[in-house]
Amino acid sequence: MQIETLEIRNYRLFRNARLAILPQLAVIVGANGSGKTTLFDVFSFLKESLAQNVAAAVARRGGFKELISRAESGPIGLTVKFRESGGRLATYQLEVAEENGRVVVHREVLKFR
């Protein structure tokens, strides 16, 4: 599988980030506090959300208020575009918010082209 694009919105340090044309092997470097660990946590969060449920994945990270970017009120949004070996492009979108103290999925979409 080849990840082609990763978009992150309101997830910890990433208010609006887009990584495109990701190589199969990438070296992530940066200063302390720049988001390296958060970038890897995005993938763990997606895995846990799909394998268990979103509420458990959020709780494991200290709750919604610990995940949402500071001073933001909109949902957390994650979009991954990937391609299987020689296959079609797939897009997975997940938007998570908190309503009345509960974690809710606002939007979840899986598309193939």
PDB file of N, CA and C in Angstrom:
ATOM      1  N   MET A   1       0.853  -1.175   0.000  1.00  0.00           N
ATOM      2  CA  MET A   1       0.000   0.000   0.000  1.00  0.00           C
ATOM      3  C   MET A   1       0.898   1.238   0.000  1.00  0.00           C
ATOM      4  N   GLN A   2       0.502   2.220  -0.769  1.00  0.00           N
ATOM      5  CA  GLN A   2       1.239   3.481  -0.871  1.00  0.00           C
ATOM      6  C   GLN A   2       0.327   4.624  -0.434  1.00  0.00           C
ATOM      7  N   ILE A   3       0.701   5.329   0.621  1.00  0.00           N
ATOM      8  CA  ILE A   3      -0.061   6.504   1.042  1.00  0.00           C
ATOM      9  C   ILE A   3       0.355   7.652   0.141  1.00  0.00           C
ATOM     10  N   GLU A   4      -0.625   8.273  -0.498  1.00  0.00           N
ATOM     11  CA  GLU A   4      -0.327   9.372  -1.422  1.00  0.00           C
ATOM     12  C   GLU A   4      -0.509  10.734  -0.773  1.00  0.00           C
ATOM     13  N   THR A   5      -1.522  10.864   0.074  1.00  0.00           N
ATOM     14  CA  THR A   5      -1.792  12.150   0.717  1.00  0.00           C
ATOM     15  C   THR A   5      -2.334  11.912   2.118  1.00  0.00           C
ATOM     16  N   LEU A   6      -1.920  12.753   3.048  1.00  0.00           N
ATOM     17  CA  LEU A   6      -2.448  12.741   4.407  1.00  0.00           C
ATOM     18  C   LEU A   6      -2.824  14.172   4.761  1.00  0.00           C
ATOM     19  N   GLU A   7      -4.076  14.370   5.144  1.00  0.00           N
ATOM     20  CA  GLU A   7      -4.540  15.689   5.583  1.00  0.00           C
ATOM     21  C   GLU A   7      -4.974  15.577   7.035  1.00  0.00           C
ATOM     22  N   ILE A   8      -4.519  16.521   7.842  1.00  0.00           N
ATOM     23  CA  ILE A   8      -4.801  16.522   9.275  1.00  0.00           C
ATOM     24  C   ILE A   8      -5.360  17.888   9.643  1.00  0.00           C
ATOM     25  N   ARG A   9      -6.510  17.890  10.308  1.00  0.00           N
ATOM     26  CA  ARG A   9      -7.141  19.153  10.705  1.00  0.00           C
ATOM     27  C   ARG A   9      -7.509  19.097  12.188  1.00  0.00           C
ATOM     28  N   ASN A  10      -7.028  20.060  12.943  1.00  0.00           N
ATOM     29  CA  ASN A  10      -7.366  20.237  14.360  1.00  0.00           C
ATOM     30  C   ASN A  10      -6.949  19.069  15.246  1.00  0.00           C
ATOM     31  N   TYR A  11      -5.895  18.363  14.869  1.00  0.00           N
ATOM     32  CA  TYR A  11      -5.394  17.246  15.681  1.00  0.00           C
ATOM     33  C   TYR A  11      -4.101  17.691  16.352  1.00  0.00           C
ATOM     34  N   ARG A  12      -4.198  17.958  17.639  1.00  0.00           N
ATOM     35  CA  ARG A  12      -3.074  18.432  18.436  1.00  0.00           C
ATOM     36  C   ARG A  12      -2.363  19.610  17.772  1.00  0.00           C
ATOM     37  N   LEU A  13      -1.100  19.474  17.417  1.00  0.00           N
ATOM     38  CA  LEU A  13      -0.345  20.588  16.827  1.00  0.00           C
ATOM     39  C   LEU A  13      -0.779  20.946  15.411  1.00  0.00           C
ATOM     40  N   PHE A  14      -1.419  20.010  14.736  1.00  0.00           N
ATOM     41  CA  PHE A  14      -1.750  20.205  13.324  1.00  0.00           C
ATOM     42  C   PHE A  14      -3.131  20.835  13.156  1.00  0.00           C
ATOM     43  N   ARG A  15      -3.159  22.136  12.925  1.00  0.00           N
ATOM     44  CA  ARG A  15      -4.443  22.807  12.689  1.00  0.00           C
ATOM     45  C   ARG A  15      -4.935  22.552  11.283  1.00  0.00           C
ATOM     46  N   ASN A  16      -4.025  22.600  10.339  1.00  0.00           N
ATOM     47  CA  ASN A  16      -4.380  22.356   8.942  1.00  0.00           C
ATOM     48  C   ASN A  16      -3.100  21.961   8.205  1.00  0.00           C
ATOM     49  N   ALA A  17      -2.858  20.662   8.131  1.00  0.00           N
ATOM     50  CA  ALA A  17      -1.620  20.173   7.513  1.00  0.00           C
ATOM     51  C   ALA A  17      -1.951  19.211   6.385  1.00  0.00           C
ATOM     52  N   ARG A  18      -1.118  19.245   5.365  1.00  0.00           N
ATOM     53  CA  ARG A  18      -1.289  18.338   4.227  1.00  0.00           C
ATOM     54  C   ARG A  18       0.084  17.843   3.803  1.00  0.00           C
ATOM     55  N   LEU A  19       0.238  16.534   3.801  1.00  0.00           N
ATOM     56  CA  LEU A  19       1.469  15.905   3.332  1.00  0.00           C
ATOM     57  C   LEU A  19       1.121  15.187   2.044  1.00  0.00           C
ATOM     58  N   ALA A  20       1.858  15.483   0.989  1.00  0.00           N
ATOM     59  CA  ALA A  20       1.552  14.893  -0.321  1.00  0.00           C
ATOM     60  C   ALA A  20       2.773  14.173  -0.874  1.00  0.00           C
ATOM     61  N   ILE A  21       2.488  13.236  -1.748  1.00  0.00           N
ATOM     62  CA  ILE A  21       3.517  12.458  -2.436  1.00  0.00           C
ATOM     63  C   ILE A  21       4.497  11.869  -1.411  1.00  0.00           C
ATOM     64  N   LEU A  22       3.946  11.084  -0.510  1.00  0.00           N
ATOM     65  CA  LEU A  22       4.759  10.462   0.528  1.00  0.00           C
ATOM     66  C   LEU A  22       5.511   9.262  -0.048  1.00  0.00           C
ATOM     67  N   PRO A  23       6.815   9.198   0.157  1.00  0.00           N
ATOM     68  CA  PRO A  23       7.579   8.059  -0.349  1.00  0.00           C
ATOM     69  C   PRO A  23       7.320   6.816   0.502  1.00  0.00           C
ATOM     70  N   GLN A  24       7.683   5.659  -0.005  1.00  0.00           N
ATOM     71  CA  GLN A  24       7.491   4.429   0.762  1.00  0.00           C
ATOM     72  C   GLN A  24       8.368   4.411   2.008  1.00  0.00           C
ATOM     73  N   LEU A  25       9.495   5.072   1.955  1.00  0.00           N
ATOM     74  CA  LEU A  25      10.369   5.198   3.111  1.00  0.00           C
ATOM     75  C   LEU A  25      10.610   6.682   3.347  1.00  0.00           C
ATOM     76  N   ALA A  26      10.259   7.132   4.536  1.00  0.00           N
ATOM     77  CA  ALA A  26      10.434   8.550   4.861  1.00  0.00           C
ATOM     78  C   ALA A  26      11.155   8.666   6.198  1.00  0.00           C
ATOM     79  N   VAL A  27      12.021   9.630   6.299  1.00  0.00           N
ATOM     80  CA  VAL A  27      12.705   9.940   7.545  1.00  0.00           C
ATOM     81  C   VAL A  27      12.103  11.241   8.054  1.00  0.00           C
ATOM     82  N   ILE A  28      11.594  11.199   9.278  1.00  0.00           N
ATOM     83  CA  ILE A  28      10.946  12.372   9.865  1.00  0.00           C
ATOM     84  C   ILE A  28      11.914  12.992  10.867  1.00  0.00           C
ATOM     85  N   VAL A  29      12.307  14.230  10.621  1.00  0.00           N
ATOM     86  CA  VAL A  29      13.206  14.944  11.527  1.00  0.00           C
ATOM     87  C   VAL A  29      12.594  16.303  11.853  1.00  0.00           C
ATOM     88  N   GLY A  30      12.939  16.819  13.009  1.00  0.00           N
ATOM     89  CA  GLY A  30      12.449  18.133  13.398  1.00  0.00           C
ATOM     90  C   GLY A  30      12.783  18.412  14.845  1.00  0.00           C
ATOM     91  N   ALA A  31      12.612  19.636  15.231  1.00  0.00           N
ATOM     92  CA  ALA A  31      12.886  20.056  16.604  1.00  0.00           C
ATOM     93  C   ALA A  31      11.879  19.426  17.563  1.00  0.00           C
ATOM     94  N   ASN A  32      12.240  19.403  18.844  1.00  0.00           N
ATOM     95  CA  ASN A  32      11.302  18.930  19.857  1.00  0.00           C
ATOM     96  C   ASN A  32      10.036  19.774  19.802  1.00  0.00           C
ATOM     97  N   GLY A  33       8.897  19.123  19.920  1.00  0.00           N
ATOM     98  CA  GLY A  33       7.628  19.836  19.920  1.00  0.00           C
ATOM     99  C   GLY A  33       7.128  20.244  18.555  1.00  0.00           C
ATOM    100  N   SER A  34       7.744  19.730  17.498  1.00  0.00           N
ATOM    101  CA  SER A  34       7.332  20.135  16.146  1.00  0.00           C
ATOM    102  C   SER A  34       6.250  19.245  15.543  1.00  0.00           C
ATOM    103  N   GLY A  35       5.930  18.121  16.209  1.00  0.00           N
ATOM    104  CA  GLY A  35       4.833  17.286  15.724  1.00  0.00           C
ATOM    105  C   GLY A  35       5.218  15.926  15.176  1.00  0.00           C
ATOM    106  N   LYS A  36       6.462  15.519  15.350  1.00  0.00           N
ATOM    107  CA  LYS A  36       6.891  14.207  14.829  1.00  0.00           C
ATOM    108  C   LYS A  36       6.084  13.080  15.464  1.00  0.00           C
ATOM    109  N   THR A  37       5.999  13.066  16.783  1.00  0.00           N
ATOM    110  CA  THR A  37       5.250  12.025  17.487  1.00  0.00           C
ATOM    111  C   THR A  37       3.771  12.119  17.158  1.00  0.00           C
ATOM    112  N   THR A  38       3.249  13.319  17.051  1.00  0.00           N
ATOM    113  CA  THR A  38       1.841  13.505  16.703  1.00  0.00           C
ATOM    114  C   THR A  38       1.541  12.943  15.327  1.00  0.00           C
ATOM    115  N   LEU A  39       2.447  13.118  14.396  1.00  0.00           N
ATOM    116  CA  LEU A  39       2.253  12.563  13.057  1.00  0.00           C
ATOM    117  C   LEU A  39       2.092  11.046  13.121  1.00  0.00           C
ATOM    118  N   PHE A  40       2.951  10.378  13.864  1.00  0.00           N
ATOM    119  CA  PHE A  40       2.833   8.924  13.999  1.00  0.00           C
ATOM    120  C   PHE A  40       1.576   8.540  14.769  1.00  0.00           C
ATOM    121  N   ASP A  41       1.192   9.371  15.744  1.00  0.00           N
ATOM    122  CA  ASP A  41      -0.014   9.080  16.519  1.00  0.00           C
ATOM    123  C   ASP A  41      -1.270   9.148  15.658  1.00  0.00           C
ATOM    124  N   VAL A  42      -1.271   9.950  14.616  1.00  0.00           N
ATOM    125  CA  VAL A  42      -2.422  10.005  13.702  1.00  0.00           C
ATOM    126  C   VAL A  42      -2.711   8.608  13.160  1.00  0.00           C
ATOM    127  N   PHE A  43      -1.671   7.894  12.753  1.00  0.00           N
ATOM    128  CA  PHE A  43      -1.859   6.547  12.212  1.00  0.00           C
ATOM    129  C   PHE A  43      -2.331   5.575  13.291  1.00  0.00           C
ATOM    130  N   SER A  44      -1.801   5.696  14.509  1.00  0.00           N
ATOM    131  CA  SER A  44      -2.262   4.855  15.614  1.00  0.00           C
ATOM    132  C   SER A  44      -3.717   5.143  15.944  1.00  0.00           C
ATOM    133  N   PHE A  45      -4.069   6.430  15.937  1.00  0.00           N
ATOM    134  CA  PHE A  45      -5.448   6.824  16.222  1.00  0.00           C
ATOM    135  C   PHE A  45      -6.408   6.225  15.192  1.00  0.00           C
ATOM    136  N   LEU A  46      -6.050   6.311  13.920  1.00  0.00           N
ATOM    137  CA  LEU A  46      -6.901   5.738  12.875  1.00  0.00           C
ATOM    138  C   LEU A  46      -7.037   4.231  13.049  1.00  0.00           C
ATOM    139  N   LYS A  47      -5.944   3.559  13.317  1.00  0.00           N
ATOM    140  CA  LYS A  47      -5.979   2.106  13.505  1.00  0.00           C
ATOM    141  C   LYS A  47      -6.887   1.730  14.669  1.00  0.00           C
ATOM    142  N   GLU A  48      -6.716   2.396  15.813  1.00  0.00           N
ATOM    143  CA  GLU A  48      -7.529   2.094  16.988  1.00  0.00           C
ATOM    144  C   GLU A  48      -8.995   2.434  16.754  1.00  0.00           C
ATOM    145  N   SER A  49      -9.256   3.527  16.050  1.00  0.00           N
ATOM    146  CA  SER A  49     -10.640   3.920  15.758  1.00  0.00           C
ATOM    147  C   SER A  49     -11.339   2.862  14.923  1.00  0.00           C
ATOM    148  N   LEU A  50     -10.623   2.281  13.970  1.00  0.00           N
ATOM    149  CA  LEU A  50     -11.206   1.260  13.101  1.00  0.00           C
ATOM    150  C   LEU A  50     -11.262  -0.103  13.781  1.00  0.00           C
ATOM    151  N   ALA A  51     -10.241  -0.458  14.543  1.00  0.00           N
ATOM    152  CA  ALA A  51     -10.187  -1.774  15.181  1.00  0.00           C
ATOM    153  C   ALA A  51     -11.117  -1.862  16.390  1.00  0.00           C
ATOM    154  N   GLN A  52     -11.268  -0.765  17.126  1.00  0.00           N
ATOM    155  CA  GLN A  52     -12.129  -0.757  18.309  1.00  0.00           C
ATOM    156  C   GLN A  52     -13.271   0.210  18.046  1.00  0.00           C
ATOM    157  N   ASN A  53     -13.117   1.430  18.552  1.00  0.00           N
ATOM    158  CA  ASN A  53     -14.068   2.501  18.241  1.00  0.00           C
ATOM    159  C   ASN A  53     -13.417   3.843  18.541  1.00  0.00           C
ATOM    160  N   VAL A  54     -14.003   4.876  17.995  1.00  0.00           N
ATOM    161  CA  VAL A  54     -13.429   6.219  18.104  1.00  0.00           C
ATOM    162  C   VAL A  54     -13.386   6.687  19.551  1.00  0.00           C
ATOM    163  N   ALA A  55     -14.440   6.424  20.315  1.00  0.00           N
ATOM    164  CA  ALA A  55     -14.483   6.888  21.703  1.00  0.00           C
ATOM    165  C   ALA A  55     -13.331   6.300  22.513  1.00  0.00           C
ATOM    166  N   ALA A  56     -13.018   5.027  22.302  1.00  0.00           N
ATOM    167  CA  ALA A  56     -11.911   4.392  23.020  1.00  0.00           C
ATOM    168  C   ALA A  56     -10.574   4.993  22.594  1.00  0.00           C
ATOM    169  N   ALA A  57     -10.414   5.255  21.306  1.00  0.00           N
ATOM    170  CA  ALA A  57      -9.170   5.857  20.807  1.00  0.00           C
ATOM    171  C   ALA A  57      -8.974   7.256  21.385  1.00  0.00           C
ATOM    172  N   VAL A  58     -10.046   8.019  21.483  1.00  0.00           N
ATOM    173  CA  VAL A  58      -9.976   9.368  22.065  1.00  0.00           C
ATOM    174  C   VAL A  58      -9.669   9.275  23.559  1.00  0.00           C
ATOM    175  N   ALA A  59     -10.363   8.395  24.265  1.00  0.00           N
ATOM    176  CA  ALA A  59     -10.154   8.242  25.708  1.00  0.00           C
ATOM    177  C   ALA A  59      -8.714   7.837  26.016  1.00  0.00           C
ATOM    178  N   ARG A  60      -8.144   6.971  25.210  1.00  0.00           N
ATOM    179  CA  ARG A  60      -6.769   6.516  25.413  1.00  0.00           C
ATOM    180  C   ARG A  60      -5.783   7.683  25.330  1.00  0.00           C
ATOM    181  N   ARG A  61      -6.172   8.750  24.671  1.00  0.00           N
ATOM    182  CA  ARG A  61      -5.299   9.917  24.516  1.00  0.00           C
ATOM    183  C   ARG A  61      -5.677  11.052  25.467  1.00  0.00           C
ATOM    184  N   GLY A  62      -6.480  10.748  26.474  1.00  0.00           N
ATOM    185  CA  GLY A  62      -6.802  11.736  27.496  1.00  0.00           C
ATOM    186  C   GLY A  62      -8.073  12.516  27.264  1.00  0.00           C
ATOM    187  N   GLY A  63      -8.849  12.156  26.260  1.00  0.00           N
ATOM    188  CA  GLY A  63     -10.109  12.838  25.988  1.00  0.00           C
ATOM    189  C   GLY A  63     -10.012  13.810  24.825  1.00  0.00           C
ATOM    190  N   PHE A  64     -11.163  14.239  24.360  1.00  0.00           N
ATOM    191  CA  PHE A  64     -11.242  15.082  23.173  1.00  0.00           C
ATOM    192  C   PHE A  64     -10.494  16.399  23.348  1.00  0.00           C
ATOM    193  N   LYS A  65     -10.593  16.991  24.530  1.00  0.00           N
ATOM    194  CA  LYS A  65      -9.940  18.288  24.762  1.00  0.00           C
ATOM    195  C   LYS A  65      -8.413  18.186  24.685  1.00  0.00           C
ATOM    196  N   GLU A  66      -7.862  17.003  24.891  1.00  0.00           N
ATOM    197  CA  GLU A  66      -6.419  16.797  24.760  1.00  0.00           C
ATOM    198  C   GLU A  66      -6.001  16.609  23.303  1.00  0.00           C
ATOM    199  N   LEU A  67      -6.951  16.227  22.451  1.00  0.00           N
ATOM    200  CA  LEU A  67      -6.639  15.965  21.043  1.00  0.00           C
ATOM    201  C   LEU A  67      -6.846  17.165  20.139  1.00  0.00           C
ATOM    202  N   ILE A  68      -7.870  17.947  20.415  1.00  0.00           N
ATOM    203  CA  ILE A  68      -8.203  19.058  19.515  1.00  0.00           C
ATOM    204  C   ILE A  68      -7.140  20.151  19.639  1.00  0.00           C
ATOM    205  N   SER A  69      -6.803  20.755  18.530  1.00  0.00           N
ATOM    206  CA  SER A  69      -5.837  21.860  18.537  1.00  0.00           C
ATOM    207  C   SER A  69      -6.317  22.961  19.473  1.00  0.00           C
ATOM    208  N   ARG A  70      -5.407  23.584  20.150  1.00  0.00           N
ATOM    209  CA  ARG A  70      -5.766  24.641  21.106  1.00  0.00           C
ATOM    210  C   ARG A  70      -6.540  25.755  20.413  1.00  0.00           C
ATOM    211  N   ALA A  71      -7.536  26.270  21.123  1.00  0.00           N
ATOM    212  CA  ALA A  71      -8.378  27.379  20.657  1.00  0.00           C
ATOM    213  C   ALA A  71      -9.198  27.022  19.423  1.00  0.00           C
ATOM    214  N   GLU A  72      -9.390  25.736  19.142  1.00  0.00           N
ATOM    215  CA  GLU A  72     -10.227  25.314  18.015  1.00  0.00           C
ATOM    216  C   GLU A  72     -11.509  24.706  18.554  1.00  0.00           C
ATOM    217  N   SER A  73     -12.584  24.878  17.818  1.00  0.00           N
ATOM    218  CA  SER A  73     -13.861  24.317  18.255  1.00  0.00           C
ATOM    219  C   SER A  73     -14.465  23.363  17.233  1.00  0.00           C
ATOM    220  N   GLY A  74     -13.931  23.340  16.028  1.00  0.00           N
ATOM    221  CA  GLY A  74     -14.465  22.464  14.994  1.00  0.00           C
ATOM    222  C   GLY A  74     -14.045  21.029  15.212  1.00  0.00           C
ATOM    223  N   PRO A  75     -14.484  20.139  14.349  1.00  0.00           N
ATOM    224  CA  PRO A  75     -14.128  18.726  14.500  1.00  0.00           C
ATOM    225  C   PRO A  75     -12.672  18.455  14.117  1.00  0.00           C
ATOM    226  N   ILE A  76     -12.178  17.341  14.599  1.00  0.00           N
ATOM    227  CA  ILE A  76     -10.894  16.813  14.148  1.00  0.00           C
ATOM    228  C   ILE A  76     -11.161  16.128  12.819  1.00  0.00           C
ATOM    229  N   GLY A  77     -10.336  16.402  11.823  1.00  0.00           N
ATOM    230  CA  GLY A  77     -10.529  15.787  10.511  1.00  0.00           C
ATOM    231  C   GLY A  77      -9.259  15.115  10.023  1.00  0.00           C
ATOM    232  N   LEU A  78      -9.390  13.874   9.593  1.00  0.00           N
ATOM    233  CA  LEU A  78      -8.261  13.122   9.049  1.00  0.00           C
ATOM    234  C   LEU A  78      -8.669  12.544   7.704  1.00  0.00           C
ATOM    235  N   THR A  79      -7.844  12.743   6.692  1.00  0.00           N
ATOM    236  CA  THR A  79      -8.099  12.193   5.359  1.00  0.00           C
ATOM    237  C   THR A  79      -6.828  11.519   4.871  1.00  0.00           C
ATOM    238  N   VAL A  80      -6.960  10.267   4.474  1.00  0.00           N
ATOM    239  CA  VAL A  80      -5.833   9.505   3.940  1.00  0.00           C
ATOM    240  C   VAL A  80      -6.206   9.034   2.546  1.00  0.00           C
ATOM    241  N   LYS A  81      -5.360   9.357   1.574  1.00  0.00           N
ATOM    242  CA  LYS A  81      -5.529   8.841   0.213  1.00  0.00           C
ATOM    243  C   LYS A  81      -4.417   7.830  -0.010  1.00  0.00           C
ATOM    244  N   PHE A  82      -4.813   6.628  -0.412  1.00  0.00           N
ATOM    245  CA  PHE A  82      -3.825   5.565  -0.585  1.00  0.00           C
ATOM    246  C   PHE A  82      -4.186   4.686  -1.770  1.00  0.00           C
ATOM    247  N   ARG A  83      -3.192   3.940  -2.199  1.00  0.00           N
ATOM    248  CA  ARG A  83      -3.368   3.070  -3.359  1.00  0.00           C
ATOM    249  C   ARG A  83      -2.737   1.712  -3.046  1.00  0.00           C
ATOM    250  N   GLU A  84      -3.493   0.657  -3.298  1.00  0.00           N
ATOM    251  CA  GLU A  84      -2.922  -0.682  -3.214  1.00  0.00           C
ATOM    252  C   GLU A  84      -1.969  -0.852  -4.386  1.00  0.00           C
ATOM    253  N   SER A  85      -1.105  -1.817  -4.347  1.00  0.00           N
ATOM    254  CA  SER A  85      -0.141  -2.045  -5.428  1.00  0.00           C
ATOM    255  C   SER A  85      -0.845  -2.106  -6.775  1.00  0.00           C
ATOM    256  N   GLY A  86      -0.623  -1.090  -7.604  1.00  0.00           N
ATOM    257  CA  GLY A  86      -1.218  -1.044  -8.935  1.00  0.00           C
ATOM    258  C   GLY A  86      -2.725  -0.916  -8.948  1.00  0.00           C
ATOM    259  N   GLY A  87      -3.321  -0.612  -7.805  1.00  0.00           N
ATOM    260  CA  GLY A  87      -4.777  -0.569  -7.712  1.00  0.00           C
ATOM    261  C   GLY A  87      -5.364   0.818  -7.796  1.00  0.00           C
ATOM    262  N   ARG A  88      -6.645   0.863  -7.492  1.00  0.00           N
ATOM    263  CA  ARG A  88      -7.378   2.124  -7.515  1.00  0.00           C
ATOM    264  C   ARG A  88      -6.998   2.998  -6.322  1.00  0.00           C
ATOM    265  N   LEU A  89      -7.238   4.277  -6.487  1.00  0.00           N
ATOM    266  CA  LEU A  89      -7.021   5.225  -5.406  1.00  0.00           C
ATOM    267  C   LEU A  89      -8.192   5.126  -4.435  1.00  0.00           C
ATOM    268  N   ALA A  90      -7.884   5.022  -3.155  1.00  0.00           N
ATOM    269  CA  ALA A  90      -8.907   4.990  -2.118  1.00  0.00           C
ATOM    270  C   ALA A  90      -8.731   6.217  -1.231  1.00  0.00           C
ATOM    271  N   THR A  91      -9.843   6.766  -0.769  1.00  0.00           N
ATOM    272  CA  THR A  91      -9.821   7.911   0.140  1.00  0.00           C
ATOM    273  C   THR A  91     -10.642   7.564   1.368  1.00  0.00           C
ATOM    274  N   TYR A  92     -10.035   7.715   2.544  1.00  0.00           N
ATOM    275  CA  TYR A  92     -10.749   7.495   3.798  1.00  0.00           C
ATOM    276  C   TYR A  92     -10.765   8.812   4.555  1.00  0.00           C
ATOM    277  N   GLN A  93     -11.966   9.252   4.929  1.00  0.00           N
ATOM    278  CA  GLN A  93     -12.138  10.500   5.689  1.00  0.00           C
ATOM    279  C   GLN A  93     -12.808  10.186   7.014  1.00  0.00           C
ATOM    280  N   LEU A  94     -12.321  10.822   8.073  1.00  0.00           N
ATOM    281  CA  LEU A  94     -12.917  10.676   9.390  1.00  0.00           C
ATOM    282  C   LEU A  94     -12.966  12.047  10.048  1.00  0.00           C
ATOM    283  N   GLU A  95     -14.148  12.440  10.509  1.00  0.00           N
ATOM    284  CA  GLU A  95     -14.312  13.681  11.279  1.00  0.00           C
ATOM    285  C   GLU A  95     -14.913  13.313  12.619  1.00  0.00           C
ATOM    286  N   VAL A  96     -14.255  13.758  13.680  1.00  0.00           N
ATOM    287  CA  VAL A  96     -14.660  13.430  15.039  1.00  0.00           C
ATOM    288  C   VAL A  96     -14.865  14.725  15.812  1.00  0.00           C
ATOM    289  N   ALA A  97     -15.931  14.774  16.597  1.00  0.00           N
ATOM    290  CA  ALA A  97     -16.215  15.963  17.397  1.00  0.00           C
ATOM    291  C   ALA A  97     -16.704  15.527  18.778  1.00  0.00           C
ATOM    292  N   GLU A  98     -16.931  16.514  19.619  1.00  0.00           N
ATOM    293  CA  GLU A  98     -17.506  16.252  20.932  1.00  0.00           C
ATOM    294  C   GLU A  98     -18.814  17.016  21.035  1.00  0.00           C
ATOM    295  N   GLU A  99     -19.864  16.314  21.401  1.00  0.00           N
ATOM    296  CA  GLU A  99     -21.177  16.937  21.588  1.00  0.00           C
ATOM    297  C   GLU A  99     -21.735  16.498  22.930  1.00  0.00           C
ATOM    298  N   ASN A 100     -22.071  17.461  23.755  1.00  0.00           N
ATOM    299  CA  ASN A 100     -22.616  17.186  25.082  1.00  0.00           C
ATOM    300  C   ASN A 100     -21.731  16.227  25.871  1.00  0.00           C
ATOM    301  N   GLY A 101     -20.414  16.424  25.764  1.00  0.00           N
ATOM    302  CA  GLY A 101     -19.474  15.606  26.511  1.00  0.00           C
ATOM    303  C   GLY A 101     -19.212  14.221  25.941  1.00  0.00           C
ATOM    304  N   ARG A 102     -19.786  13.919  24.780  1.00  0.00           N
ATOM    305  CA  ARG A 102     -19.596  12.601  24.156  1.00  0.00           C
ATOM    306  C   ARG A 102     -18.869  12.745  22.828  1.00  0.00           C
ATOM    307  N   VAL A 103     -18.018  11.795  22.545  1.00  0.00           N
ATOM    308  CA  VAL A 103     -17.298  11.775  21.273  1.00  0.00           C
ATOM    309  C   VAL A 103     -18.230  11.206  20.210  1.00  0.00           C
ATOM    310  N   VAL A 104     -18.349  11.928  19.091  1.00  0.00           N
ATOM    311  CA  VAL A 104     -19.217  11.479  18.000  1.00  0.00           C
ATOM    312  C   VAL A 104     -18.460  11.550  16.674  1.00  0.00           C
ATOM    313  N   VAL A 105     -18.833  10.652  15.788  1.00  0.00           N
ATOM    314  CA  VAL A 105     -18.290  10.673  14.432  1.00  0.00           C
ATOM    315  C   VAL A 105     -19.210  11.549  13.600  1.00  0.00           C
ATOM    316  N   HIS A 106     -18.707  12.682  13.132  1.00  0.00           N
ATOM    317  CA  HIS A 106     -19.497  13.580  12.281  1.00  0.00           C
ATOM    318  C   HIS A 106     -19.575  13.078  10.862  1.00  0.00           C
ATOM    319  N   ARG A 107     -18.475  12.491  10.418  1.00  0.00           N
ATOM    320  CA  ARG A 107     -18.417  12.051   9.021  1.00  0.00           C
ATOM    321  C   ARG A 107     -17.395  10.929   8.903  1.00  0.00           C
ATOM    322  N   GLU A 108     -17.766   9.905   8.171  1.00  0.00           N
ATOM    323  CA  GLU A 108     -16.844   8.817   7.856  1.00  0.00           C
ATOM    324  C   GLU A 108     -17.162   8.353   6.443  1.00  0.00           C
ATOM    325  N   VAL A 109     -16.161   8.430   5.567  1.00  0.00           N
ATOM    326  CA  VAL A 109     -16.372   8.117   4.149  1.00  0.00           C
ATOM    327  C   VAL A 109     -15.192   7.293   3.645  1.00  0.00           C
ATOM    328  N   LEU A 110     -15.503   6.264   2.877  1.00  0.00           N
ATOM    329  CA  LEU A 110     -14.483   5.500   2.167  1.00  0.00           C
ATOM    330  C   LEU A 110     -14.881   5.489   0.702  1.00  0.00           C
ATOM    331  N   LYS A 111     -14.009   6.048  -0.154  1.00  0.00           N
ATOM    332  CA  LYS A 111     -14.299   6.130  -1.592  1.00  0.00           C
ATOM    333  C   LYS A 111     -13.189   5.453  -2.374  1.00  0.00           C
ATOM    334  N   PHE A 112     -13.588   4.857  -3.486  1.00  0.00           N
ATOM    335  CA  PHE A 112     -12.621   4.276  -4.422  1.00  0.00           C
ATOM    336  C   PHE A 112     -12.796   4.936  -5.768  1.00  0.00           C
ATOM    337  N   ARG A 113     -11.687   5.137  -6.491  1.00  0.00           N
ATOM    338  CA  ARG A 113     -11.749   5.667  -7.854  1.00  0.00           C
ATOM    339  C   ARG A 113     -11.186   4.646  -8.797  1.00  0.00           C
TER     340      ARG A 113
END
